Structures are given as C-alpha cells and as structure tokens.
PDB file of N, CA and C in Angstrom:
ATOM      1  N   UNK A   1       5.565  -5.346 -12.138  1.00  0.00           N
ATOM      2  CA  UNK A   1       5.908  -4.820 -10.827  1.00  0.00           C
ATOM      3  C   UNK A   1       5.293  -5.695  -9.738  1.00  0.00           C
ATOM      4  N   UNK A   2       4.147  -6.314  -9.994  1.00  0.00           N
ATOM      5  CA  UNK A   2       3.516  -7.155  -8.993  1.00  0.00           C
ATOM      6  C   UNK A   2       2.852  -6.342  -7.899  1.00  0.00           C
ATOM      7  N   UNK A   3       2.464  -7.016  -6.850  1.00  0.00           N
ATOM      8  CA  UNK A   3       1.811  -6.378  -5.710  1.00  0.00           C
ATOM      9  C   UNK A   3       2.886  -5.873  -4.751  1.00  0.00           C
ATOM     10  N   UNK A   4       2.962  -4.554  -4.518  1.00  0.00           N
ATOM     11  CA  UNK A   4       3.921  -4.066  -3.531  1.00  0.00           C
ATOM     12  C   UNK A   4       3.516  -4.568  -2.146  1.00  0.00           C
ATOM     13  N   UNK A   5       4.362  -5.356  -1.533  1.00  0.00           N
ATOM     14  CA  UNK A   5       4.004  -5.920  -0.227  1.00  0.00           C
ATOM     15  C   UNK A   5       5.243  -6.153   0.616  1.00  0.00           C
ATOM     16  N   UNK A   6       4.990  -6.233   1.919  1.00  0.00           N
ATOM     17  CA  UNK A   6       6.046  -6.501   2.885  1.00  0.00           C
ATOM     18  C   UNK A   6       5.654  -7.698   3.724  1.00  0.00           C
ATOM     19  N   UNK A   7       6.650  -8.491   4.066  1.00  0.00           N
ATOM     20  CA  UNK A   7       6.402  -9.591   4.989  1.00  0.00           C
ATOM     21  C   UNK A   7       6.350  -9.042   6.408  1.00  0.00           C
ATOM     22  N   UNK A   8       5.796  -9.798   7.323  1.00  0.00           N
ATOM     23  CA  UNK A   8       5.623  -9.351   8.711  1.00  0.00           C
ATOM     24  C   UNK A   8       6.923  -8.838   9.339  1.00  0.00           C
ATOM     25  N   UNK A   9       8.070  -9.520   9.169  1.00  0.00           N
ATOM     26  CA  UNK A   9       9.288  -9.009   9.795  1.00  0.00           C
ATOM     27  C   UNK A   9       9.730  -7.642   9.263  1.00  0.00           C
ATOM     28  N   UNK A  10       9.302  -7.289   8.032  1.00  0.00           N
ATOM     29  CA  UNK A  10       9.692  -6.013   7.441  1.00  0.00           C
ATOM     30  C   UNK A  10       8.658  -4.920   7.632  1.00  0.00           C
ATOM     31  N   UNK A  11       7.533  -5.255   8.253  1.00  0.00           N
ATOM     32  CA  UNK A  11       6.446  -4.293   8.434  1.00  0.00           C
ATOM     33  C   UNK A  11       6.901  -3.143   9.330  1.00  0.00           C
ATOM     34  N   UNK A  12       6.094  -2.069   9.387  1.00  0.00           N
ATOM     35  CA  UNK A  12       6.511  -0.882  10.129  1.00  0.00           C
ATOM     36  C   UNK A  12       6.930  -1.165  11.571  1.00  0.00           C
ATOM     37  N   UNK A  13       7.936  -0.461  11.969  1.00  0.00           N
ATOM     38  CA  UNK A  13       8.475  -0.568  13.316  1.00  0.00           C
ATOM     39  C   UNK A  13       8.511   0.848  13.882  1.00  0.00           C
ATOM     40  N   UNK A  14       8.732   0.977  15.162  1.00  0.00           N
ATOM     41  CA  UNK A  14       8.839   2.300  15.772  1.00  0.00           C
ATOM     42  C   UNK A  14       9.885   3.091  15.007  1.00  0.00           C
ATOM     43  N   UNK A  15       9.679   4.350  14.711  1.00  0.00           N
ATOM     44  CA  UNK A  15       8.586   5.218  15.141  1.00  0.00           C
ATOM     45  C   UNK A  15       7.354   5.176  14.235  1.00  0.00           C
ATOM     46  N   UNK A  16       7.275   4.211  13.333  1.00  0.00           N
ATOM     47  CA  UNK A  16       6.151   4.122  12.400  1.00  0.00           C
ATOM     48  C   UNK A  16       5.203   3.007  12.815  1.00  0.00           C
ATOM     49  N   UNK A  17       4.817   2.981  14.054  1.00  0.00           N
ATOM     50  CA  UNK A  17       3.974   1.904  14.569  1.00  0.00           C
ATOM     51  C   UNK A  17       2.622   1.888  13.887  1.00  0.00           C
ATOM     52  N   UNK A  18       2.166   0.683  13.531  1.00  0.00           N
ATOM     53  CA  UNK A  18       0.839   0.583  12.918  1.00  0.00           C
ATOM     54  C   UNK A  18      -0.251   1.092  13.858  1.00  0.00           C
ATOM     55  N   UNK A  19      -1.250   1.716  13.274  1.00  0.00           N
ATOM     56  CA  UNK A  19      -2.400   2.211  14.020  1.00  0.00           C
ATOM     57  C   UNK A  19      -3.644   1.938  13.190  1.00  0.00           C
ATOM     58  N   UNK A  20      -4.820   1.990  13.794  1.00  0.00           N
ATOM     59  CA  UNK A  20      -6.046   1.781  13.013  1.00  0.00           C
ATOM     60  C   UNK A  20      -6.214   2.888  11.965  1.00  0.00           C
ATOM     61  N   UNK A  21      -6.585   2.487  10.763  1.00  0.00           N
ATOM     62  CA  UNK A  21      -6.768   3.429   9.661  1.00  0.00           C
ATOM     63  C   UNK A  21      -8.024   3.078   8.875  1.00  0.00           C
ATOM     64  N   UNK A  22      -8.665   4.088   8.332  1.00  0.00           N
ATOM     65  CA  UNK A  22      -9.712   3.913   7.351  1.00  0.00           C
ATOM     66  C   UNK A  22      -9.129   4.400   6.032  1.00  0.00           C
ATOM     67  N   UNK A  23      -9.142   3.526   5.035  1.00  0.00           N
ATOM     68  CA  UNK A  23      -8.495   3.818   3.760  1.00  0.00           C
ATOM     69  C   UNK A  23      -9.528   3.806   2.641  1.00  0.00           C
ATOM     70  N   UNK A  24      -9.478   4.821   1.800  1.00  0.00           N
ATOM     71  CA  UNK A  24     -10.279   4.848   0.568  1.00  0.00           C
ATOM     72  C   UNK A  24      -9.324   4.460  -0.555  1.00  0.00           C
ATOM     73  N   UNK A  25      -9.658   3.403  -1.267  1.00  0.00           N
ATOM     74  CA  UNK A  25      -8.790   2.855  -2.303  1.00  0.00           C
ATOM     75  C   UNK A  25      -9.177   3.394  -3.673  1.00  0.00           C
ATOM     76  N   UNK A  26      -8.177   3.683  -4.486  1.00  0.00           N
ATOM     77  CA  UNK A  26      -8.433   4.043  -5.870  1.00  0.00           C
ATOM     78  C   UNK A  26      -7.363   3.398  -6.746  1.00  0.00           C
ATOM     79  N   UNK A  27      -7.776   2.984  -7.930  1.00  0.00           N
ATOM     80  CA  UNK A  27      -6.836   2.414  -8.894  1.00  0.00           C
ATOM     81  C   UNK A  27      -6.536   3.529  -9.900  1.00  0.00           C
ATOM     82  N   UNK A  28      -5.260   3.857 -10.037  1.00  0.00           N
ATOM     83  CA  UNK A  28      -4.853   4.949 -10.924  1.00  0.00           C
ATOM     84  C   UNK A  28      -4.895   4.509 -12.383  1.00  0.00           C
ATOM     85  N   UNK A  29      -4.721   5.470 -13.278  1.00  0.00           N
ATOM     86  CA  UNK A  29      -4.673   5.184 -14.713  1.00  0.00           C
ATOM     87  C   UNK A  29      -3.526   4.231 -15.061  1.00  0.00           C
ATOM     88  N   UNK A  30      -2.516   4.197 -14.219  1.00  0.00           N
ATOM     89  CA  UNK A  30      -1.366   3.312 -14.450  1.00  0.00           C
ATOM     90  C   UNK A  30      -1.567   1.930 -13.832  1.00  0.00           C
ATOM     91  N   UNK A  31      -2.713   1.708 -13.208  1.00  0.00           N
ATOM     92  CA  UNK A  31      -2.992   0.413 -12.601  1.00  0.00           C
ATOM     93  C   UNK A  31      -2.459   0.255 -11.195  1.00  0.00           C
ATOM     94  N   UNK A  32      -2.022   1.350 -10.593  1.00  0.00           N
ATOM     95  CA  UNK A  32      -1.493   1.319  -9.226  1.00  0.00           C
ATOM     96  C   UNK A  32      -2.633   1.448  -8.223  1.00  0.00           C
ATOM     97  N   UNK A  33      -2.541   0.694  -7.142  1.00  0.00           N
ATOM     98  CA  UNK A  33      -3.520   0.786  -6.070  1.00  0.00           C
ATOM     99  C   UNK A  33      -3.021   1.835  -5.080  1.00  0.00           C
ATOM    100  N   UNK A  34      -3.780   2.925  -4.973  1.00  0.00           N
ATOM    101  CA  UNK A  34      -3.418   4.052  -4.121  1.00  0.00           C
ATOM    102  C   UNK A  34      -4.462   4.185  -3.027  1.00  0.00           C
ATOM    103  N   UNK A  35      -4.041   4.735  -1.887  1.00  0.00           N
ATOM    104  CA  UNK A  35      -4.954   4.905  -0.774  1.00  0.00           C
ATOM    105  C   UNK A  35      -4.892   6.300  -0.202  1.00  0.00           C
ATOM    106  N   UNK A  36      -6.038   6.758   0.241  1.00  0.00           N
ATOM    107  CA  UNK A  36      -6.141   8.036   0.931  1.00  0.00           C
ATOM    108  C   UNK A  36      -6.670   7.759   2.327  1.00  0.00           C
ATOM    109  N   UNK A  37      -6.041   8.369   3.317  1.00  0.00           N
ATOM    110  CA  UNK A  37      -6.485   8.254   4.699  1.00  0.00           C
ATOM    111  C   UNK A  37      -6.790   9.654   5.207  1.00  0.00           C
ATOM    112  N   UNK A  38      -7.646   9.771   6.234  1.00  0.00           N
ATOM    113  CA  UNK A  38      -7.910  11.093   6.800  1.00  0.00           C
ATOM    114  C   UNK A  38      -6.593  11.781   7.158  1.00  0.00           C
ATOM    115  N   UNK A  39      -6.501  13.040   6.786  1.00  0.00           N
ATOM    116  CA  UNK A  39      -5.303  13.816   7.076  1.00  0.00           C
ATOM    117  C   UNK A  39      -4.316  13.865   5.925  1.00  0.00           C
ATOM    118  N   UNK A  40      -4.600  13.141   4.833  1.00  0.00           N
ATOM    119  CA  UNK A  40      -3.744  13.221   3.650  1.00  0.00           C
ATOM    120  C   UNK A  40      -4.578  13.751   2.496  1.00  0.00           C
ATOM    121  N   UNK A  41      -3.950  14.539   1.649  1.00  0.00           N
ATOM    122  CA  UNK A  41      -4.687  15.084   0.514  1.00  0.00           C
ATOM    123  C   UNK A  41      -4.410  14.307  -0.764  1.00  0.00           C
ATOM    124  N   UNK A  42      -3.194  13.829  -0.926  1.00  0.00           N
ATOM    125  CA  UNK A  42      -2.840  13.089  -2.127  1.00  0.00           C
ATOM    126  C   UNK A  42      -2.858  11.597  -1.849  1.00  0.00           C
ATOM    127  N   UNK A  43      -3.341  10.818  -2.814  1.00  0.00           N
ATOM    128  CA  UNK A  43      -3.303   9.363  -2.644  1.00  0.00           C
ATOM    129  C   UNK A  43      -1.856   8.874  -2.581  1.00  0.00           C
ATOM    130  N   UNK A  44      -1.635   7.865  -1.769  1.00  0.00           N
ATOM    131  CA  UNK A  44      -0.301   7.299  -1.587  1.00  0.00           C
ATOM    132  C   UNK A  44      -0.273   5.866  -2.089  1.00  0.00           C
ATOM    133  N   UNK A  45       0.881   5.418  -2.527  1.00  0.00           N
ATOM    134  CA  UNK A  45       1.046   4.024  -2.911  1.00  0.00           C
ATOM    135  C   UNK A  45       0.775   3.151  -1.698  1.00  0.00           C
ATOM    136  N   UNK A  46      -0.049   2.113  -1.885  1.00  0.00           N
ATOM    137  CA  UNK A  46      -0.352   1.182  -0.806  1.00  0.00           C
ATOM    138  C   UNK A  46       0.625   0.018  -0.880  1.00  0.00           C
ATOM    139  N   UNK A  47       1.261  -0.277   0.253  1.00  0.00           N
ATOM    140  CA  UNK A  47       2.114  -1.450   0.395  1.00  0.00           C
ATOM    141  C   UNK A  47       1.292  -2.438   1.217  1.00  0.00           C
ATOM    142  N   UNK A  48       1.016  -3.596   0.631  1.00  0.00           N
ATOM    143  CA  UNK A  48       0.061  -4.559   1.173  1.00  0.00           C
ATOM    144  C   UNK A  48       0.730  -5.591   2.059  1.00  0.00           C
ATOM    145  N   UNK A  49      -0.062  -6.252   2.924  1.00  0.00           N
ATOM    146  CA  UNK A  49       0.477  -7.348   3.730  1.00  0.00           C
ATOM    147  C   UNK A  49       0.879  -8.524   2.820  1.00  0.00           C
ATOM    148  N   UNK A  50       1.835  -9.272   3.270  1.00  0.00           N
ATOM    149  CA  UNK A  50       2.282 -10.448   2.539  1.00  0.00           C
ATOM    150  C   UNK A  50       1.094 -11.387   2.295  1.00  0.00           C
ATOM    151  N   UNK A  51       1.037 -11.955   1.110  1.00  0.00           N
ATOM    152  CA  UNK A  51      -0.044 -12.863   0.764  1.00  0.00           C
ATOM    153  C   UNK A  51      -1.129 -12.218  -0.068  1.00  0.00           C
ATOM    154  N   UNK A  52      -1.038 -10.916  -0.313  1.00  0.00           N
ATOM    155  CA  UNK A  52      -1.982 -10.225  -1.181  1.00  0.00           C
ATOM    156  C   UNK A  52      -1.608 -10.556  -2.629  1.00  0.00           C
ATOM    157  N   UNK A  53      -2.616 -10.825  -3.465  1.00  0.00           N
ATOM    158  CA  UNK A  53      -2.356 -11.243  -4.843  1.00  0.00           C
ATOM    159  C   UNK A  53      -3.215 -10.456  -5.823  1.00  0.00           C
ATOM    160  N   UNK A  54      -2.784 -10.401  -7.063  1.00  0.00           N
ATOM    161  CA  UNK A  54      -3.574  -9.776  -8.117  1.00  0.00           C
ATOM    162  C   UNK A  54      -4.741 -10.699  -8.442  1.00  0.00           C
ATOM    163  N   UNK A  55      -5.938 -10.121  -8.545  1.00  0.00           N
ATOM    164  CA  UNK A  55      -7.128 -10.905  -8.859  1.00  0.00           C
ATOM    165  C   UNK A  55      -7.201 -11.266 -10.332  1.00  0.00           C
ATOM    166  N   UNK A  56      -8.241 -11.974 -10.693  1.00  0.00           N
ATOM    167  CA  UNK A  56      -8.414 -12.471 -12.061  1.00  0.00           C
ATOM    168  C   UNK A  56      -8.512 -11.355 -13.093  1.00  0.00           C
ATOM    169  N   UNK A  57      -9.106 -10.219 -12.723  1.00  0.00           N
ATOM    170  CA  UNK A  57      -9.310  -9.152 -13.701  1.00  0.00           C
ATOM    171  C   UNK A  57      -8.149  -8.169 -13.781  1.00  0.00           C
ATOM    172  N   UNK A  58      -7.202  -8.229 -12.865  1.00  0.00           N
ATOM    173  CA  UNK A  58      -6.066  -7.311 -12.887  1.00  0.00           C
ATOM    174  C   UNK A  58      -6.333  -5.986 -12.214  1.00  0.00           C
ATOM    175  N   UNK A  59      -7.603  -5.598 -12.054  1.00  0.00           N
ATOM    176  CA  UNK A  59      -7.905  -4.342 -11.363  1.00  0.00           C
ATOM    177  C   UNK A  59      -8.512  -4.622  -9.997  1.00  0.00           C
ATOM    178  N   UNK A  60      -8.126  -5.759  -9.451  1.00  0.00           N
ATOM    179  CA  UNK A  60      -8.554  -6.129  -8.111  1.00  0.00           C
ATOM    180  C   UNK A  60      -7.415  -6.872  -7.430  1.00  0.00           C
ATOM    181  N   UNK A  61      -7.358  -6.717  -6.122  1.00  0.00           N
ATOM    182  CA  UNK A  61      -6.396  -7.469  -5.321  1.00  0.00           C
ATOM    183  C   UNK A  61      -7.184  -8.406  -4.421  1.00  0.00           C
ATOM    184  N   UNK A  62      -6.651  -9.602  -4.258  1.00  0.00           N
ATOM    185  CA  UNK A  62      -7.246 -10.564  -3.351  1.00  0.00           C
ATOM    186  C   UNK A  62      -6.402 -10.554  -2.083  1.00  0.00           C
ATOM    187  N   UNK A  63      -7.048 -10.217  -0.980  1.00  0.00           N
ATOM    188  CA  UNK A  63      -6.360 -10.099   0.302  1.00  0.00           C
ATOM    189  C   UNK A  63      -6.106 -11.485   0.895  1.00  0.00           C
ATOM    190  N   UNK A  64      -5.201 -11.585   1.860  1.00  0.00           N
ATOM    191  CA  UNK A  64      -4.941 -12.883   2.485  1.00  0.00           C
ATOM    192  C   UNK A  64      -6.204 -13.554   3.036  1.00  0.00           C
ATOM    193  N   UNK A  65      -7.205 -12.767   3.416  1.00  0.00           N
ATOM    194  CA  UNK A  65      -8.470 -13.316   3.940  1.00  0.00           C
ATOM    195  C   UNK A  65      -9.355 -13.893   2.844  1.00  0.00           C
ATOM    196  N   UNK A  66      -9.029 -13.586   1.574  1.00  0.00           N
ATOM    197  CA  UNK A  66      -9.862 -14.008   0.452  1.00  0.00           C
ATOM    198  C   UNK A  66     -10.779 -12.917  -0.053  1.00  0.00           C
ATOM    199  N   UNK A  67     -10.937 -11.832   0.707  1.00  0.00           N
ATOM    200  CA  UNK A  67     -11.758 -10.697   0.278  1.00  0.00           C
ATOM    201  C   UNK A  67     -11.078 -10.001  -0.903  1.00  0.00           C
ATOM    202  N   UNK A  68     -11.885  -9.293  -1.697  1.00  0.00           N
ATOM    203  CA  UNK A  68     -11.376  -8.605  -2.880  1.00  0.00           C
ATOM    204  C   UNK A  68     -11.442  -7.089  -2.670  1.00  0.00           C
ATOM    205  N   UNK A  69     -10.357  -6.407  -2.995  1.00  0.00           N
ATOM    206  CA  UNK A  69     -10.294  -4.946  -2.931  1.00  0.00           C
ATOM    207  C   UNK A  69     -10.232  -4.409  -4.360  1.00  0.00           C
ATOM    208  N   UNK A  70     -11.095  -3.435  -4.664  1.00  0.00           N
ATOM    209  CA  UNK A  70     -11.169  -2.847  -5.997  1.00  0.00           C
ATOM    210  C   UNK A  70     -11.222  -1.328  -5.885  1.00  0.00           C
ATOM    211  N   UNK A  71     -11.252  -0.675  -7.030  1.00  0.00           N
ATOM    212  CA  UNK A  71     -11.354   0.777  -7.076  1.00  0.00           C
ATOM    213  C   UNK A  71     -12.576   1.229  -6.283  1.00  0.00           C
ATOM    214  N   UNK A  72     -12.377   2.162  -5.360  1.00  0.00           N
ATOM    215  CA  UNK A  72     -13.459   2.698  -4.547  1.00  0.00           C
ATOM    216  C   UNK A  72     -13.713   1.958  -3.248  1.00  0.00           C
ATOM    217  N   UNK A  73     -13.036   0.840  -3.040  1.00  0.00           N
ATOM    218  CA  UNK A  73     -13.230   0.092  -1.787  1.00  0.00           C
ATOM    219  C   UNK A  73     -12.846   0.946  -0.591  1.00  0.00           C
ATOM    220  N   UNK A  74     -13.568   0.721   0.494  1.00  0.00           N
ATOM    221  CA  UNK A  74     -13.195   1.304   1.784  1.00  0.00           C
ATOM    222  C   UNK A  74     -12.616   0.173   2.606  1.00  0.00           C
ATOM    223  N   UNK A  75     -11.480   0.439   3.201  1.00  0.00           N
ATOM    224  CA  UNK A  75     -10.773  -0.579   3.956  1.00  0.00           C
ATOM    225  C   UNK A  75     -10.664  -0.183   5.418  1.00  0.00           C
ATOM    226  N   UNK A  76     -10.785  -1.147   6.293  1.00  0.00           N
ATOM    227  CA  UNK A  76     -10.422  -0.979   7.696  1.00  0.00           C
ATOM    228  C   UNK A  76      -9.067  -1.669   7.819  1.00  0.00           C
ATOM    229  N   UNK A  77      -8.109  -0.961   8.342  1.00  0.00           N
ATOM    230  CA  UNK A  77      -6.752  -1.503   8.323  1.00  0.00           C
ATOM    231  C   UNK A  77      -5.966  -1.077   9.547  1.00  0.00           C
ATOM    232  N   UNK A  78      -4.839  -1.724   9.716  1.00  0.00           N
ATOM    233  CA  UNK A  78      -3.794  -1.260  10.623  1.00  0.00           C
ATOM    234  C   UNK A  78      -2.616  -0.971   9.718  1.00  0.00           C
ATOM    235  N   UNK A  79      -1.996   0.141   9.946  1.00  0.00           N
ATOM    236  CA  UNK A  79      -0.872   0.488   9.097  1.00  0.00           C
ATOM    237  C   UNK A  79      -0.222   1.781   9.544  1.00  0.00           C
ATOM    238  N   UNK A  80       0.699   2.237   8.713  1.00  0.00           N
ATOM    239  CA  UNK A  80       1.450   3.444   9.033  1.00  0.00           C
ATOM    240  C   UNK A  80       1.818   4.178   7.760  1.00  0.00           C
ATOM    241  N   UNK A  81       1.889   5.502   7.867  1.00  0.00           N
ATOM    242  CA  UNK A  81       2.463   6.309   6.804  1.00  0.00           C
ATOM    243  C   UNK A  81       3.967   6.296   7.034  1.00  0.00           C
ATOM    244  N   UNK A  82       4.713   5.867   6.030  1.00  0.00           N
ATOM    245  CA  UNK A  82       6.160   5.748   6.192  1.00  0.00           C
ATOM    246  C   UNK A  82       6.895   6.544   5.124  1.00  0.00           C
ATOM    247  N   UNK A  83       7.998   7.167   5.491  1.00  0.00           N
ATOM    248  CA  UNK A  83       8.834   7.787   4.465  1.00  0.00           C
ATOM    249  C   UNK A  83       9.323   6.703   3.497  1.00  0.00           C
ATOM    250  N   UNK A  84       9.333   7.029   2.222  1.00  0.00           N
ATOM    251  CA  UNK A  84       9.764   6.084   1.199  1.00  0.00           C
ATOM    252  C   UNK A  84      11.128   5.495   1.547  1.00  0.00           C
ATOM    253  N   UNK A  85      12.027   6.329   1.983  1.00  0.00           N
ATOM    254  CA  UNK A  85      13.397   5.872   2.260  1.00  0.00           C
ATOM    255  C   UNK A  85      13.499   4.969   3.489  1.00  0.00           C
ATOM    256  N   UNK A  86      12.393   4.821   4.227  1.00  0.00           N
ATOM    257  CA  UNK A  86      12.387   3.907   5.376  1.00  0.00           C
ATOM    258  C   UNK A  86      12.034   2.473   4.979  1.00  0.00           C
ATOM    259  N   UNK A  87      11.630   2.276   3.733  1.00  0.00           N
ATOM    260  CA  UNK A  87      11.290   0.926   3.285  1.00  0.00           C
ATOM    261  C   UNK A  87      12.541   0.055   3.297  1.00  0.00           C
ATOM    262  N   UNK A  88      12.395  -1.217   3.651  1.00  0.00           N
ATOM    263  CA  UNK A  88      13.562  -2.100   3.717  1.00  0.00           C
ATOM    264  C   UNK A  88      14.277  -2.188   2.372  1.00  0.00           C
ATOM    265  N   UNK A  89      15.573  -2.151   2.410  1.00  0.00           N
ATOM    266  CA  UNK A  89      16.408  -2.270   1.205  1.00  0.00           C
ATOM    267  C   UNK A  89      16.113  -1.195   0.170  1.00  0.00           C
ATOM    268  N   UNK A  90      15.702  -0.015   0.615  1.00  0.00           N
ATOM    269  CA  UNK A  90      15.444   1.067  -0.334  1.00  0.00           C
ATOM    270  C   UNK A  90      16.757   1.480  -0.983  1.00  0.00           C
ATOM    271  N   UNK A  91      16.729   1.628  -2.285  1.00  0.00           N
ATOM    272  CA  UNK A  91      17.883   2.125  -3.039  1.00  0.00           C
ATOM    273  C   UNK A  91      17.345   2.928  -4.211  1.00  0.00           C
ATOM    274  N   UNK A  92      18.077   3.934  -4.639  1.00  0.00           N
ATOM    275  CA  UNK A  92      17.638   4.813  -5.723  1.00  0.00           C
ATOM    276  C   UNK A  92      17.299   4.051  -7.005  1.00  0.00           C
ATOM    277  N   UNK A  93      17.955   2.937  -7.247  1.00  0.00           N
ATOM    278  CA  UNK A  93      17.701   2.171  -8.464  1.00  0.00           C
ATOM    279  C   UNK A  93      17.012   0.839  -8.167  1.00  0.00           C
ATOM    280  N   UNK A  94      16.408   0.720  -6.984  1.00  0.00           N
ATOM    281  CA  UNK A  94      15.793  -0.531  -6.561  1.00  0.00           C
ATOM    282  C   UNK A  94      14.293  -0.579  -6.788  1.00  0.00           C
ATOM    283  N   UNK A  95      13.708  -1.679  -6.347  1.00  0.00           N
ATOM    284  CA  UNK A  95      12.279  -1.933  -6.538  1.00  0.00           C
ATOM    285  C   UNK A  95      11.416  -0.821  -5.955  1.00  0.00           C
ATOM    286  N   UNK A  96      11.668  -0.429  -4.694  1.00  0.00           N
ATOM    287  CA  UNK A  96      10.789   0.552  -4.049  1.00  0.00           C
ATOM    288  C   UNK A  96      10.851   1.900  -4.731  1.00  0.00           C
ATOM    289  N   UNK A  97      12.032   2.336  -5.130  1.00  0.00           N
ATOM    290  CA  UNK A  97      12.144   3.614  -5.845  1.00  0.00           C
ATOM    291  C   UNK A  97      11.381   3.547  -7.168  1.00  0.00           C
ATOM    292  N   UNK A  98      11.509   2.428  -7.882  1.00  0.00           N
ATOM    293  CA  UNK A  98      10.811   2.267  -9.152  1.00  0.00           C
ATOM    294  C   UNK A  98       9.292   2.274  -8.944  1.00  0.00           C
ATOM    295  N   UNK A  99       8.813   1.542  -7.948  1.00  0.00           N
ATOM    296  CA  UNK A  99       7.377   1.461  -7.695  1.00  0.00           C
ATOM    297  C   UNK A  99       6.803   2.830  -7.321  1.00  0.00           C
ATOM    298  N   UNK A 100       7.464   3.528  -6.421  1.00  0.00           N
ATOM    299  CA  UNK A 100       6.979   4.843  -5.996  1.00  0.00           C
ATOM    300  C   UNK A 100       7.044   5.826  -7.160  1.00  0.00           C
ATOM    301  N   UNK A 101       8.161   5.846  -7.889  1.00  0.00           N
ATOM    302  CA  UNK A 101       8.297   6.776  -9.014  1.00  0.00           C
ATOM    303  C   UNK A 101       7.269   6.505 -10.110  1.00  0.00           C
ATOM    304  N   UNK A 102       6.942   5.242 -10.355  1.00  0.00           N
ATOM    305  CA  UNK A 102       5.963   4.895 -11.381  1.00  0.00           C
ATOM    306  C   UNK A 102       4.550   5.273 -10.935  1.00  0.00           C
ATOM    307  N   UNK A 103       4.217   4.969  -9.690  1.00  0.00           N
ATOM    308  CA  UNK A 103       2.846   5.144  -9.214  1.00  0.00           C
ATOM    309  C   UNK A 103       2.546   6.527  -8.664  1.00  0.00           C
ATOM    310  N   UNK A 104       3.461   7.080  -7.906  1.00  0.00           N
ATOM    311  CA  UNK A 104       3.237   8.376  -7.258  1.00  0.00           C
ATOM    312  C   UNK A 104       4.529   9.195  -7.322  1.00  0.00           C
ATOM    313  N   UNK A 105       4.870   9.692  -8.517  1.00  0.00           N
ATOM    314  CA  UNK A 105       6.133  10.442  -8.666  1.00  0.00           C
ATOM    315  C   UNK A 105       6.257  11.555  -7.628  1.00  0.00           C
ATOM    316  N   UNK A 106       7.431  11.680  -7.091  1.00  0.00           N
ATOM    317  CA  UNK A 106       7.761  12.727  -6.112  1.00  0.00           C
ATOM    318  C   UNK A 106       7.141  12.517  -4.737  1.00  0.00           C
ATOM    319  N   UNK A 107       6.462  11.398  -4.504  1.00  0.00           N
ATOM    320  CA  UNK A 107       5.889  11.153  -3.175  1.00  0.00           C
ATOM    321  C   UNK A 107       7.001  10.879  -2.180  1.00  0.00           C
ATOM    322  N   UNK A 108       6.843  11.410  -1.002  1.00  0.00           N
ATOM    323  CA  UNK A 108       7.843  11.198   0.057  1.00  0.00           C
ATOM    324  C   UNK A 108       7.417  10.089   1.014  1.00  0.00           C
ATOM    325  N   UNK A 109       6.119   9.683   0.923  1.00  0.00           N
ATOM    326  CA  UNK A 109       5.610   8.662   1.844  1.00  0.00           C
ATOM    327  C   UNK A 109       4.822   7.599   1.090  1.00  0.00           C
ATOM    328  N   UNK A 110       4.663   6.458   1.747  1.00  0.00           N
ATOM    329  CA  UNK A 110       3.803   5.383   1.275  1.00  0.00           C
ATOM    330  C   UNK A 110       2.907   4.976   2.444  1.00  0.00           C
ATOM    331  N   UNK A 111       1.856   4.249   2.128  1.00  0.00           N
ATOM    332  CA  UNK A 111       0.933   3.756   3.131  1.00  0.00           C
ATOM    333  C   UNK A 111       1.180   2.242   3.265  1.00  0.00           C
ATOM    334  N   UNK A 112       1.762   1.834   4.392  1.00  0.00           N
ATOM    335  CA  UNK A 112       2.080   0.424   4.610  1.00  0.00           C
ATOM    336  C   UNK A 112       1.009  -0.185   5.511  1.00  0.00           C
ATOM    337  N   UNK A 113       0.316  -1.190   4.972  1.00  0.00           N
ATOM    338  CA  UNK A 113      -0.743  -1.852   5.713  1.00  0.00           C
ATOM    339  C   UNK A 113      -0.220  -3.187   6.271  1.00  0.00           C
ATOM    340  N   UNK A 114      -0.473  -3.424   7.548  1.00  0.00           N
ATOM    341  CA  UNK A 114      -0.065  -4.682   8.164  1.00  0.00           C
ATOM    342  C   UNK A 114      -1.245  -5.646   8.324  1.00  0.00           C
ATOM    343  N   UNK A 115      -2.448  -5.089   8.376  1.00  0.00           N
ATOM    344  CA  UNK A 115      -3.694  -5.866   8.422  1.00  0.00           C
ATOM    345  C   UNK A 115      -4.720  -5.083   7.630  1.00  0.00           C
ATOM    346  N   UNK A 116      -5.601  -5.798   6.927  1.00  0.00           N
ATOM    347  CA  UNK A 116      -6.607  -5.086   6.126  1.00  0.00           C
ATOM    348  C   UNK A 116      -7.830  -5.973   5.923  1.00  0.00           C
ATOM    349  N   UNK A 117      -8.986  -5.285   5.921  1.00  0.00           N
ATOM    350  CA  UNK A 117     -10.230  -5.954   5.556  1.00  0.00           C
ATOM    351  C   UNK A 117     -11.095  -4.942   4.821  1.00  0.00           C
ATOM    352  N   UNK A 118     -11.913  -5.446   3.919  1.00  0.00           N
ATOM    353  CA  UNK A 118     -12.820  -4.600   3.159  1.00  0.00           C
ATOM    354  C   UNK A 118     -14.046  -4.339   3.998  1.00  0.00           C
ATOM    355  N   UNK A 119     -14.473  -3.087   4.064  1.00  0.00           N
ATOM    356  CA  UNK A 119     -15.646  -2.706   4.869  1.00  0.00           C
ATOM    357  C   UNK A 119     -16.919  -3.039   4.153  1.00  0.00           C
TER     358      UNK A 119
END
C-alpha cells in the first residue's frame, strides 16, 4: 500500500482548510499509521505530505524534513479532517477506499497533513 500521501496541489482546500493540529501517532496491528487529534475519539488514517517515506524498520516514517515518526510520536502539524469521499480520485474500488477500509474500516474521515514535524 505504501505511504498514503498527497502532493501539494491535491492537499486540502476550502472548506477543509489546513489548521494547526497536535497529533498523537499510533501504529496499528496492521501496520497503519493512525492519528488522534483533540476532539476525535477514534484514531484516523493519516495522509502524509508528499515526500514522506517508509523508514528502515518499516514501523517508522521518515518525514520530508528527515525527522522520524514512530508509534507514540507527538506531531505538530497543519492539516484537516476530511471526509473520505473528498480525497482526490476517490472511487469505491480505488486506492483510497482500499487504504481506509484496510486501516480504519467504516471510517468516514481521514486526517490529511500538509506540514508536519515531530515534537
């Protein structure tokens, strides 16, 4: 599946404008990177900024800045909670539906980050 990510032109747009967020990261049993932000109870699939890569161990992501995000990391970010169906090129049998269904079945939203740094 790779790292779920969006390029800058596909990042959130109005009415899902990015805002400052504090994210608590957790890696699920399925290897999915999920995030919780204040005001949400269930972890959401994190969609990362373009240039984020899987680290050497597989349970870490290397951010465009070179910093490493792992299970339990706290992130300072800009991003938006977006309805799954608002993702670019969303289709019932496409990549985004598969990623959301695999990582967070029945979730109606994802957490799209446009900027991120590890605290």
